[in-house]
Protein backbone atom coordinates (compact mmCIF):
# COMPACT_ATOMS: atom_id res chain seq x y z
CA MET A 1 0.08 0.00 0.00
CA LYS A 2 1.63 3.38 -0.99
CA ALA A 3 1.96 5.91 1.85
CA VAL A 4 -0.57 8.38 2.43
CA HIS A 5 0.75 11.99 2.79
CA ASN A 6 -1.69 13.88 5.50
CA PHE A 7 -1.34 17.41 5.59
CA CYS A 8 -4.55 17.77 7.57
CA ALA A 9 -4.83 21.03 9.67
CA GLY A 10 -6.20 19.06 12.58
CA PRO A 11 -6.97 16.76 13.89
CA SER A 12 -3.20 16.31 12.67
CA LEU A 13 -0.94 13.48 11.64
CA LEU A 14 0.53 11.94 14.68
CA PRO A 15 3.87 9.56 14.90
CA GLN A 16 3.30 6.06 13.90
CA THR A 17 4.41 4.84 17.14
CA VAL A 18 1.74 6.78 19.07
CA TYR A 19 -0.81 5.18 16.87
CA GLU A 20 0.51 1.85 17.45
CA GLN A 21 0.81 2.52 21.46
CA ALA A 22 -2.48 3.96 21.40
CA ALA A 23 -4.16 1.00 19.66
CA GLN A 24 -2.61 -1.37 21.96
CA ALA A 25 -3.77 0.52 24.90
CA VAL A 26 -7.32 0.10 23.64
CA LEU A 27 -6.98 -3.75 24.04
CA ASN A 28 -4.72 -3.76 27.06
CA PHE A 29 -3.77 -0.53 28.87
CA GLU A 30 -0.52 -0.81 30.92
CA ASN A 31 -0.73 -4.62 31.39
CA THR A 32 -3.95 -4.22 33.39
CA GLY A 33 -6.09 -6.41 31.12
CA MET A 34 -8.68 -3.58 30.74
CA SER A 35 -8.90 -1.19 27.85
CA ILE A 36 -8.01 2.44 28.17
CA LEU A 37 -11.44 3.06 27.14
CA SER A 38 -13.08 1.35 29.93
CA ILE A 39 -10.37 2.13 32.74
CA SER A 40 -11.37 4.53 35.65
CA HIS A 41 -10.08 7.91 35.50
CA ARG A 42 -9.15 7.71 39.17
CA SER A 43 -7.38 4.40 38.77
CA LYS A 44 -3.87 4.54 39.83
CA GLU A 45 -2.49 3.49 36.32
CA PHE A 46 -4.44 6.69 34.84
CA ILE A 47 -3.37 9.26 37.38
CA ALA A 48 0.33 8.08 36.83
CA ALA A 49 -0.26 8.74 32.99
CA LEU A 50 -1.88 12.00 33.56
CA GLU A 51 0.67 13.16 35.93
CA GLU A 52 3.51 12.32 33.72
CA ALA A 53 1.72 13.78 31.00
CA ARG A 54 1.46 16.96 33.00
CA HIS A 55 5.01 17.16 33.95
CA LEU A 56 6.16 16.43 30.45
CA SER A 57 4.23 19.40 29.02
CA LEU A 58 6.03 21.68 31.14
CA GLU A 59 9.26 19.83 31.05
CA LEU A 60 9.60 20.28 27.11
CA LEU A 61 8.89 24.02 27.25
CA GLY A 62 11.42 24.53 30.12
CA LEU A 63 8.51 25.50 32.38
CA ASP A 64 9.32 22.96 35.27
CA LYS A 65 9.75 24.46 38.62
CA LYS A 66 8.99 27.98 37.24
CA GLY A 67 5.71 28.55 38.95
CA TYR A 68 3.47 27.05 36.30
CA VAL A 69 0.84 24.39 36.44
CA ALA A 70 -0.43 22.23 33.42
CA LEU A 71 -4.06 21.11 33.15
CA PHE A 72 -5.77 18.76 30.60
CA LEU A 73 -9.30 19.86 29.99
CA GLN A 74 -12.25 19.58 27.70
CA GLY A 75 -13.96 21.87 25.27
CA GLY A 76 -10.88 22.79 23.22
CA ALA A 77 -9.38 26.14 22.80
CA SER A 78 -12.79 27.59 22.06
CA MET A 79 -13.79 26.83 25.61
CA GLU A 80 -10.65 28.83 26.82
CA PHE A 81 -11.92 31.59 24.54
CA LEU A 82 -14.58 32.07 27.52
CA ARG A 83 -12.65 30.54 30.48
CA ILE A 84 -9.78 33.06 30.25
CA PRO A 85 -11.84 36.10 30.66
CA TYR A 86 -13.72 34.50 33.28
CA ASN A 87 -10.77 33.79 35.21
CA LEU A 88 -8.39 37.09 34.38
CA MET A 89 -10.83 39.76 33.54
CA GLN A 90 -11.57 42.23 35.92
CA GLN A 91 -12.54 45.30 33.92
CA LYS A 92 -10.71 45.56 30.45
CA ALA A 93 -8.44 43.29 28.59
CA ALA A 94 -6.38 43.81 25.19
CA TYR A 95 -6.51 41.65 22.44
CA ILE A 96 -4.41 41.45 19.12
CA ASN A 97 -6.63 40.39 16.16
CA THR A 98 -4.73 38.28 13.59
CA GLY A 99 -7.29 36.14 12.25
CA THR A 100 -10.49 33.92 12.81
CA TRP A 101 -9.40 32.35 15.94
CA SER A 102 -8.58 35.83 17.68
CA SER A 103 -11.76 37.05 16.48
CA LYS A 104 -13.76 34.36 18.18
CA ALA A 105 -11.69 34.94 21.36
CA ILE A 106 -12.47 38.73 21.34
CA LYS A 107 -16.19 38.02 20.82
CA GLN A 108 -16.42 35.90 23.92
CA ALA A 109 -14.26 38.23 26.32
CA GLN A 110 -16.54 41.08 25.23
CA MET A 111 -19.28 39.24 27.16
CA LEU A 112 -17.56 39.76 30.61
CA GLY A 113 -15.68 43.23 30.04
CA GLU A 114 -14.12 45.90 27.99
CA VAL A 115 -12.12 44.51 25.15
CA LYS A 116 -9.60 47.03 23.36
CA VAL A 117 -8.15 45.57 20.16
CA VAL A 118 -4.64 47.06 20.39
CA ALA A 119 -3.53 45.79 17.10
CA SER A 120 -5.05 44.16 14.04
CA SER A 121 -4.35 42.73 10.50
CA GLU A 122 -7.88 42.47 9.30
CA ASP A 123 -7.37 45.67 6.94
CA GLN A 124 -5.22 43.00 4.74
CA HIS A 125 -7.38 40.02 5.35
CA PHE A 126 -5.09 38.96 7.97
CA SER A 127 -2.10 38.40 5.71
CA TYR A 128 0.36 39.60 8.04
CA ILE A 129 1.47 40.19 11.80
CA PRO A 130 1.06 43.57 13.42
CA LYS A 131 4.65 44.69 14.51
CA GLU A 132 6.00 45.60 17.73
CA VAL A 133 3.01 45.66 19.53
CA ARG A 134 3.56 47.45 23.07
CA VAL A 135 0.55 48.15 25.36
CA GLU A 136 1.44 50.43 28.33
CA GLU A 137 -1.99 51.28 29.44
CA ALA A 138 -3.53 49.32 32.46
CA VAL A 139 -5.36 46.28 31.30
CA ASP A 140 -5.99 42.91 32.89
CA TYR A 141 -4.25 41.00 30.38
CA LEU A 142 -3.07 41.07 26.68
CA HIS A 143 -3.92 38.12 24.52
CA PHE A 144 -2.48 37.22 21.00
CA THR A 145 -2.61 34.01 18.87
CA SER A 146 0.86 32.77 18.07
CA ASN A 147 0.07 31.09 14.80
CA ASN A 148 -2.78 31.59 12.45
CA THR A 149 -3.79 28.48 10.63
CA ILE A 150 -6.41 29.64 8.15
CA HIS A 151 -4.24 32.50 6.81
CA GLY A 152 -0.77 31.29 7.43
CA THR A 153 0.83 33.78 9.47
CA GLN A 154 2.86 33.40 12.72
CA PHE A 155 4.40 35.64 15.40
CA ASN A 156 8.17 35.62 15.74
CA TYR A 157 8.20 38.14 18.69
CA LEU A 158 6.45 38.64 21.99
CA PRO A 159 4.01 41.40 22.29
CA GLN A 160 5.18 43.99 25.17
CA THR A 161 3.03 44.51 28.15
CA ASN A 162 3.27 44.90 31.97
CA ALA A 163 0.15 43.07 32.37
CA PRO A 164 -0.04 39.02 32.06
CA LEU A 165 0.48 37.84 28.52
CA VAL A 166 -1.88 35.33 27.22
CA CYS A 167 -1.47 33.21 24.12
CA ASP A 168 -3.21 30.75 22.27
CA MET A 169 -0.85 28.40 20.86
CA SER A 170 -3.07 25.62 19.51
CA SER A 171 -1.18 25.31 16.25
CA ASP A 172 2.54 26.08 16.95
CA ILE A 173 3.08 24.82 20.54
CA TYR A 174 6.01 22.39 20.66
CA SER A 175 7.08 23.12 17.30
CA ARG A 176 9.76 25.53 17.89
CA GLU A 177 11.77 27.22 20.73
CA PHE A 178 10.09 30.48 21.93
CA ALA A 179 10.05 32.69 25.03
CA TYR A 180 7.72 30.52 26.91
CA ASP A 181 8.57 31.69 30.41
CA GLN A 182 7.64 35.14 29.48
CA ILE A 183 3.99 34.13 28.78
CA ASP A 184 1.86 33.73 31.86
CA LEU A 185 -0.78 31.60 30.29
CA ILE A 186 -0.74 29.22 27.30
CA TYR A 187 -3.53 27.15 25.99
CA ALA A 188 -3.76 24.99 23.09
CA GLY A 189 -6.23 22.50 21.65
CA ALA A 190 -4.44 19.26 21.64
CA GLN A 191 -5.09 18.16 17.96
CA LYS A 192 -2.17 19.60 16.25
CA ASN A 193 1.36 18.86 18.05
CA ILE A 194 0.10 17.63 21.51
CA GLY A 195 -2.45 14.51 20.78
CA SER A 196 -5.57 13.61 19.62
CA ALA A 197 -8.86 15.74 19.53
CA GLY A 198 -10.97 16.07 22.66
CA VAL A 199 -8.73 17.74 25.33
CA SER A 200 -6.89 20.95 25.60
CA LEU A 201 -3.83 21.97 27.46
CA ILE A 202 -3.63 24.83 29.67
CA ILE A 203 -0.30 25.97 31.23
CA THR A 204 -0.61 28.74 33.72
CA LYS A 205 1.15 30.67 36.21
CA GLU A 206 -0.84 30.27 39.74
CA GLU A 207 -0.10 33.85 40.73
CA ILE A 208 -2.23 35.52 38.05
CA LEU A 209 -5.47 33.66 39.30
CA GLY A 210 -8.13 34.55 41.70
CA LYS A 211 -8.01 38.46 41.18
CA THR A 212 -11.37 38.93 39.62
CA LYS A 213 -13.44 39.06 42.69
CA ARG A 214 -16.16 37.28 40.51
CA ASP A 215 -17.98 33.99 41.05
CA ILE A 216 -16.87 31.65 38.48
CA PRO A 217 -18.85 28.63 37.71
CA GLN A 218 -16.82 25.70 39.04
CA MET A 219 -16.35 24.14 35.45
CA LEU A 220 -14.71 27.46 34.18
CA ASP A 221 -12.65 28.00 37.20
CA TYR A 222 -8.90 27.08 36.77
CA GLN A 223 -8.28 27.06 40.39
CA GLU A 224 -10.86 24.54 40.76
CA HIS A 225 -9.21 22.51 38.42
CA ILE A 226 -5.76 23.11 39.80
CA ALA A 227 -7.13 21.96 43.22
CA LYS A 228 -8.63 18.70 41.77
CA ASP A 229 -5.32 18.06 39.92
CA SER A 230 -7.06 18.13 36.49
CA LEU A 231 -9.78 15.67 37.40
CA TYR A 232 -12.68 17.95 38.67
CA HIS A 233 -14.76 15.70 36.53
CA THR A 234 -14.22 12.73 34.30
CA ALA A 235 -11.13 13.22 32.18
CA ASN A 236 -10.94 12.37 28.46
CA VAL A 237 -8.95 9.23 29.32
CA PHE A 238 -8.04 8.21 25.99
CA ALA A 239 -7.10 11.71 24.60
CA VAL A 240 -4.63 12.28 27.73
CA TYR A 241 -3.10 9.17 26.91
CA THR A 242 -2.33 9.84 23.48
CA CYS A 243 -1.04 13.33 24.49
CA LEU A 244 1.26 11.13 27.02
CA LEU A 245 2.44 9.09 24.29
CA ASN A 246 2.98 12.05 21.72
CA LEU A 247 4.99 14.12 24.22
CA ARG A 248 7.16 11.03 25.11
CA TRP A 249 7.86 10.85 21.50
CA LEU A 250 8.83 14.40 21.16
CA LYS A 251 11.19 13.98 24.15
CA GLN A 252 12.73 11.05 22.51
CA GLN A 253 13.35 13.00 19.16
CA GLY A 254 15.39 15.50 21.30
CA GLY A 255 12.76 17.90 22.36
CA VAL A 256 11.81 21.09 21.03
CA ALA A 257 14.79 22.23 19.78
CA ALA A 258 15.49 19.19 17.66
CA ILE A 259 12.19 19.21 16.19
CA GLU A 260 12.40 22.86 15.33
CA ALA A 261 15.20 21.92 13.11
CA ILE A 262 13.26 19.54 11.20
CA ASN A 263 10.20 21.85 10.79
CA ASN A 264 12.41 24.59 9.53
CA LYS A 265 13.93 22.26 6.84
CA LYS A 266 10.12 21.33 5.60
CA ALA A 267 9.06 25.08 5.53
CA ALA A 268 12.19 26.20 3.90
CA LEU A 269 11.76 23.47 1.07
CA LEU A 270 8.12 24.06 0.57
CA TYR A 271 8.16 27.91 0.54
CA GLN A 272 11.14 27.91 -1.91
CA THR A 273 9.34 25.58 -4.17
CA LEU A 274 6.22 28.05 -4.19
CA ASP A 275 8.46 30.92 -4.76
CA ASP A 276 9.86 29.63 -7.74
CA LEU A 277 6.67 28.69 -9.45
CA ASP A 278 5.15 32.03 -10.99
CA PHE A 279 1.63 30.68 -11.43
CA ILE A 280 1.25 30.22 -7.47
CA SER A 281 0.74 33.04 -5.23
CA GLY A 282 1.40 32.89 -1.43
CA THR A 283 -1.32 34.34 0.95
CA ALA A 284 0.87 35.64 3.71
CA ALA A 285 3.35 38.22 3.93
CA ILE A 286 7.04 36.75 3.51
CA GLU A 287 8.23 38.10 6.80
CA ASP A 288 5.35 36.50 8.56
CA ARG A 289 4.86 33.10 6.77
CA SER A 290 3.91 30.20 9.33
CA LYS A 291 6.07 27.18 9.56
CA MET A 292 3.12 25.17 10.60
CA ASN A 293 0.54 26.12 7.97
CA VAL A 294 1.63 27.02 4.46
CA THR A 295 -1.17 28.61 2.47
CA PHE A 296 -1.22 29.28 -1.20
CA THR A 297 -3.43 29.80 -4.33
CA PHE A 298 -3.20 29.18 -8.22
CA LYS A 299 -3.43 32.61 -9.89
CA ASP A 300 -5.43 30.35 -12.37
CA GLU A 301 -8.28 28.80 -10.55
CA GLN A 302 -8.57 26.35 -13.61
CA LEU A 303 -5.20 24.76 -12.55
CA ASN A 304 -6.97 23.69 -9.23
CA ALA A 305 -8.28 20.70 -10.95
CA ILE A 306 -5.25 19.69 -12.28
CA PHE A 307 -3.39 19.86 -9.09
CA ASP A 308 -6.19 17.93 -7.22
CA GLN A 309 -5.76 15.00 -9.54
CA LEU A 310 -2.18 15.04 -9.02
CA CYS A 311 -2.41 14.99 -5.41
CA THR A 312 -5.17 12.17 -5.52
CA GLU A 313 -2.23 10.09 -7.65
CA ALA A 314 0.49 10.96 -5.22
CA GLN A 315 -1.69 10.01 -2.24
CA ILE A 316 -1.81 13.69 -0.95
CA THR A 317 -4.61 14.16 1.16
CA ASN A 318 -6.14 17.29 3.10
CA ILE A 319 -4.43 19.84 1.29
CA LYS A 320 -7.24 22.26 0.56
CA GLY A 321 -7.49 25.48 2.53
CA HIS A 322 -9.66 26.14 5.09
CA ARG A 323 -13.56 26.51 4.05
CA SER A 324 -13.67 30.21 4.62
CA VAL A 325 -10.89 31.32 2.48
CA GLY A 326 -10.42 28.58 -0.30
CA GLY A 327 -7.02 27.83 -1.89
CA TYR A 328 -4.80 25.36 -0.54
CA ARG A 329 -2.96 25.00 2.81
CA ALA A 330 -0.30 22.25 3.77
CA SER A 331 -0.09 21.84 7.72
CA LEU A 332 3.77 20.70 8.43
CA TYR A 333 3.03 19.88 12.23
CA ASN A 334 5.77 17.77 13.99
CA ALA A 335 4.76 14.28 12.78
CA VAL A 336 4.51 15.17 9.19
CA SER A 337 7.72 13.93 7.64
CA LEU A 338 10.25 15.62 5.29
CA SER A 339 9.57 12.85 2.84
CA SER A 340 5.96 13.97 2.57
CA VAL A 341 7.04 17.60 2.01
CA GLU A 342 9.26 16.25 -0.79
CA THR A 343 6.30 14.29 -2.43
CA LEU A 344 4.33 17.64 -2.26
CA THR A 345 7.32 19.58 -3.83
CA THR A 346 7.54 17.08 -6.61
CA VAL A 347 3.87 17.38 -7.43
CA LEU A 348 3.91 21.07 -7.58
CA GLN A 349 7.02 20.89 -9.73
CA GLN A 350 5.01 18.76 -12.16
CA MET A 351 2.62 21.51 -12.48
CA LYS A 352 5.10 23.49 -14.62
CA THR A 353 4.87 21.07 -17.57
CA LEU A 354 1.20 21.44 -17.69
CA VAL A 355 0.93 25.20 -17.62
């Protein structure tokens, strides 16, 4: 059977070993004779897995023993759009708007207080990252989205503020070295570089919590989840275990620095190929291009059908752009191999003979 080259934006490709170990756990989890799907979330075996996953999530970012706590919760990053203002907003928060997901986060925060959009790239269809954002006025926190899956842009610097800094890193966490210890709260849906869909990771400094003086529903209260060691209610047992397997795999590869070197090669190869083809247009400003989500279009839409057919023949899948913008998108998450990117570039170069 020919290999499938999966460029899905999420749920993303995971390492083959993670699939194999997760499949085995469905049959027999940690030699308990029970399936991971049917084991108690309060069993000693699962609690050990949860605690290891929480520890690795901090260790791999260099945040262990630095005042941070890691939580695996349900609801995806979209739940955190609401949970963050519930826990952090007293009166006013600042947001940087760089695309669909930050726009959604802004809308949710507006339910609980004043939101000031301090920078935005909406004027050019979110094709760039606002530069040198600095917020000096008094706000409860500053929120930004580090990578934009739909428009293919990515922050390469940290916005400056004296307030707590909050970042949605759903699509590039664990993909590159970054100043993680200068961000006060990081959150991410797991279905990119962390694990399977159905759980989200929140990494927060405990010192920024408990200051709103608001009654927070327990399900939305980070302090409640911390007090219950991420087991306030029944955990998504299988998704948490898949995250653990993937974090173990990342550590075995050499950690974030090692995977970043591979990711840089993948992105450089694909962008160079696209730049060399005059019948293709990138959709992101060159200096702000994402290394996780490469977006492009054909100048002549009649080429789409030809490209789609070539992709089908090469077993390339999930290459279409987001439904809201069209075009194409190749997501280069950690588990996507360099050989898959080479296959895609070969197909793109074939297009030259057909134009």
